[in-house]
Amino acid sequence: MPSDQIQETVIARAEKLGLSSYEIAKRAGAVSEDHVRAYLTRRKSMGSHKLQHVLRVLGLKVTE
């Protein structure tokens, strides 16, 4: 299965900032800690309606 570039970027940024799945979920407000943890460990994908909140917490933007 091909790598998800956005997911890999999110994982790297979370690690760089030292943010746990709990802290990201707490700051995002709209995503459960379990879902964030599963996403950061590559066990689940995340729809854009939730991912937008995670990206905001991590200071990331999707651009062309």
N, C-alpha and C. Protein backbone atom coordinates (compact mmCIF):
# COMPACT_ATOMS: atom_id res chain seq x y z
N MET A 1 0.84 -1.18 0.00
CA MET A 1 0.00 0.00 0.00
C MET A 1 0.89 1.25 0.00
N PRO A 2 0.60 2.22 -0.87
CA PRO A 2 1.43 3.41 -0.94
C PRO A 2 1.36 4.24 0.35
N SER A 3 2.40 4.95 0.62
CA SER A 3 2.46 5.82 1.78
C SER A 3 1.54 7.02 1.59
N ASP A 4 0.91 7.46 2.66
CA ASP A 4 0.06 8.65 2.66
C ASP A 4 0.94 9.83 3.08
N GLN A 5 1.26 10.69 2.13
CA GLN A 5 2.19 11.79 2.38
C GLN A 5 1.67 12.73 3.47
N ILE A 6 0.39 13.01 3.47
CA ILE A 6 -0.17 13.89 4.50
C ILE A 6 -0.05 13.25 5.87
N GLN A 7 -0.39 11.97 5.96
CA GLN A 7 -0.30 11.27 7.24
C GLN A 7 1.14 11.26 7.74
N GLU A 8 2.07 10.99 6.86
CA GLU A 8 3.49 10.97 7.26
C GLU A 8 3.94 12.34 7.74
N THR A 9 3.47 13.40 7.09
CA THR A 9 3.81 14.77 7.50
C THR A 9 3.22 15.08 8.87
N VAL A 10 1.99 14.68 9.10
CA VAL A 10 1.34 14.90 10.40
C VAL A 10 2.09 14.16 11.50
N ILE A 11 2.45 12.92 11.25
CA ILE A 11 3.18 12.13 12.24
C ILE A 11 4.52 12.79 12.57
N ALA A 12 5.24 13.21 11.55
CA ALA A 12 6.55 13.85 11.76
C ALA A 12 6.41 15.15 12.55
N ARG A 13 5.39 15.93 12.23
CA ARG A 13 5.18 17.21 12.91
C ARG A 13 4.81 17.00 14.38
N ALA A 14 3.95 16.03 14.64
CA ALA A 14 3.56 15.73 16.02
C ALA A 14 4.78 15.31 16.84
N GLU A 15 5.62 14.49 16.23
CA GLU A 15 6.85 14.06 16.92
C GLU A 15 7.78 15.24 17.16
N LYS A 16 7.94 16.10 16.14
CA LYS A 16 8.82 17.26 16.26
C LYS A 16 8.36 18.19 17.37
N LEU A 17 7.03 18.37 17.48
CA LEU A 17 6.49 19.25 18.52
C LEU A 17 6.36 18.55 19.87
N GLY A 18 6.57 17.24 19.89
CA GLY A 18 6.47 16.49 21.13
C GLY A 18 5.05 16.40 21.67
N LEU A 19 4.07 16.40 20.77
CA LEU A 19 2.67 16.35 21.18
C LEU A 19 2.14 14.92 21.15
N SER A 20 1.50 14.53 22.21
CA SER A 20 0.89 13.19 22.29
C SER A 20 -0.47 13.23 21.59
N SER A 21 -1.00 12.06 21.34
CA SER A 21 -2.33 11.98 20.75
C SER A 21 -3.36 12.60 21.69
N TYR A 22 -3.17 12.44 22.97
CA TYR A 22 -4.08 13.04 23.95
C TYR A 22 -4.06 14.57 23.85
N GLU A 23 -2.88 15.15 23.79
CA GLU A 23 -2.76 16.61 23.73
C GLU A 23 -3.31 17.15 22.42
N ILE A 24 -3.06 16.46 21.32
CA ILE A 24 -3.60 16.90 20.03
C ILE A 24 -5.13 16.86 20.06
N ALA A 25 -5.70 15.77 20.55
CA ALA A 25 -7.16 15.65 20.61
C ALA A 25 -7.76 16.71 21.53
N LYS A 26 -7.11 16.94 22.64
CA LYS A 26 -7.60 17.95 23.59
C LYS A 26 -7.63 19.33 22.93
N ARG A 27 -6.57 19.68 22.22
CA ARG A 27 -6.50 20.99 21.57
C ARG A 27 -7.43 21.07 20.35
N ALA A 28 -7.60 19.97 19.65
CA ALA A 28 -8.45 19.95 18.46
C ALA A 28 -9.93 20.03 18.84
N GLY A 29 -10.30 19.33 19.89
CA GLY A 29 -11.67 19.38 20.36
C GLY A 29 -12.67 18.53 19.60
N ALA A 30 -12.46 18.29 18.33
CA ALA A 30 -13.46 17.61 17.50
C ALA A 30 -13.06 16.19 17.12
N VAL A 31 -11.94 15.70 17.68
CA VAL A 31 -11.43 14.38 17.32
C VAL A 31 -11.08 13.63 18.61
N SER A 32 -11.48 12.36 18.68
CA SER A 32 -11.19 11.60 19.89
C SER A 32 -9.71 11.25 19.98
N GLU A 33 -9.25 11.08 21.19
CA GLU A 33 -7.85 10.71 21.41
C GLU A 33 -7.56 9.35 20.79
N ASP A 34 -8.51 8.43 20.85
CA ASP A 34 -8.32 7.11 20.24
C ASP A 34 -8.11 7.22 18.73
N HIS A 35 -8.88 8.08 18.09
CA HIS A 35 -8.76 8.23 16.64
C HIS A 35 -7.42 8.88 16.28
N VAL A 36 -7.01 9.89 17.04
CA VAL A 36 -5.72 10.53 16.78
C VAL A 36 -4.60 9.52 16.97
N ARG A 37 -4.65 8.72 18.04
CA ARG A 37 -3.61 7.72 18.29
C ARG A 37 -3.55 6.71 17.14
N ALA A 38 -4.71 6.25 16.69
CA ALA A 38 -4.75 5.28 15.58
C ALA A 38 -4.19 5.90 14.31
N TYR A 39 -4.46 7.16 14.08
CA TYR A 39 -3.94 7.85 12.89
C TYR A 39 -2.41 8.01 12.99
N LEU A 40 -1.93 8.41 14.15
CA LEU A 40 -0.48 8.61 14.32
C LEU A 40 0.31 7.31 14.29
N THR A 41 -0.36 6.20 14.52
CA THR A 41 0.31 4.89 14.46
C THR A 41 -0.03 4.14 13.16
N ARG A 42 -0.62 4.85 12.23
CA ARG A 42 -0.92 4.34 10.88
C ARG A 42 -1.95 3.19 10.87
N ARG A 43 -2.77 3.09 11.91
CA ARG A 43 -3.78 2.04 11.95
C ARG A 43 -5.11 2.48 11.34
N LYS A 44 -5.33 3.78 11.22
CA LYS A 44 -6.57 4.31 10.65
C LYS A 44 -6.27 5.54 9.81
N SER A 45 -7.18 5.80 8.89
CA SER A 45 -7.11 7.05 8.14
C SER A 45 -8.02 8.06 8.86
N MET A 46 -8.06 9.29 8.35
CA MET A 46 -8.88 10.31 8.97
C MET A 46 -9.48 11.17 7.88
N GLY A 47 -10.78 11.37 7.95
CA GLY A 47 -11.45 12.21 6.97
C GLY A 47 -11.08 13.68 7.14
N SER A 48 -11.24 14.43 6.09
CA SER A 48 -10.86 15.84 6.12
C SER A 48 -11.64 16.64 7.15
N HIS A 49 -12.88 16.24 7.44
CA HIS A 49 -13.69 16.96 8.42
C HIS A 49 -13.08 16.89 9.83
N LYS A 50 -12.30 15.86 10.11
CA LYS A 50 -11.59 15.75 11.39
C LYS A 50 -10.14 16.18 11.25
N LEU A 51 -9.53 15.81 10.15
CA LEU A 51 -8.11 16.10 9.94
C LEU A 51 -7.83 17.60 9.96
N GLN A 52 -8.77 18.41 9.48
CA GLN A 52 -8.56 19.85 9.48
C GLN A 52 -8.27 20.38 10.88
N HIS A 53 -8.88 19.80 11.90
CA HIS A 53 -8.66 20.23 13.28
C HIS A 53 -7.27 19.82 13.78
N VAL A 54 -6.84 18.63 13.38
CA VAL A 54 -5.50 18.15 13.74
C VAL A 54 -4.44 19.01 13.06
N LEU A 55 -4.64 19.33 11.79
CA LEU A 55 -3.69 20.17 11.07
C LEU A 55 -3.56 21.54 11.73
N ARG A 56 -4.68 22.10 12.16
CA ARG A 56 -4.66 23.40 12.83
C ARG A 56 -3.82 23.34 14.10
N VAL A 57 -4.01 22.31 14.89
CA VAL A 57 -3.25 22.15 16.14
C VAL A 57 -1.75 22.06 15.85
N LEU A 58 -1.40 21.39 14.77
CA LEU A 58 0.01 21.18 14.43
C LEU A 58 0.60 22.33 13.62
N GLY A 59 -0.21 23.30 13.25
CA GLY A 59 0.28 24.44 12.48
C GLY A 59 0.59 24.07 11.04
N LEU A 60 -0.14 23.10 10.49
CA LEU A 60 0.08 22.66 9.12
C LEU A 60 -1.06 23.12 8.23
N LYS A 61 -0.76 23.36 6.94
CA LYS A 61 -1.76 23.71 5.94
C LYS A 61 -1.54 22.88 4.70
N VAL A 62 -2.62 22.51 4.06
CA VAL A 62 -2.55 21.78 2.78
C VAL A 62 -2.55 22.84 1.69
N THR A 63 -1.56 22.75 0.80
CA THR A 63 -1.46 23.71 -0.32
C THR A 63 -1.23 22.93 -1.61
N GLU A 64 -1.40 23.63 -2.71
CA GLU A 64 -1.15 23.01 -4.02
C GLU A 64 0.33 22.84 -4.24
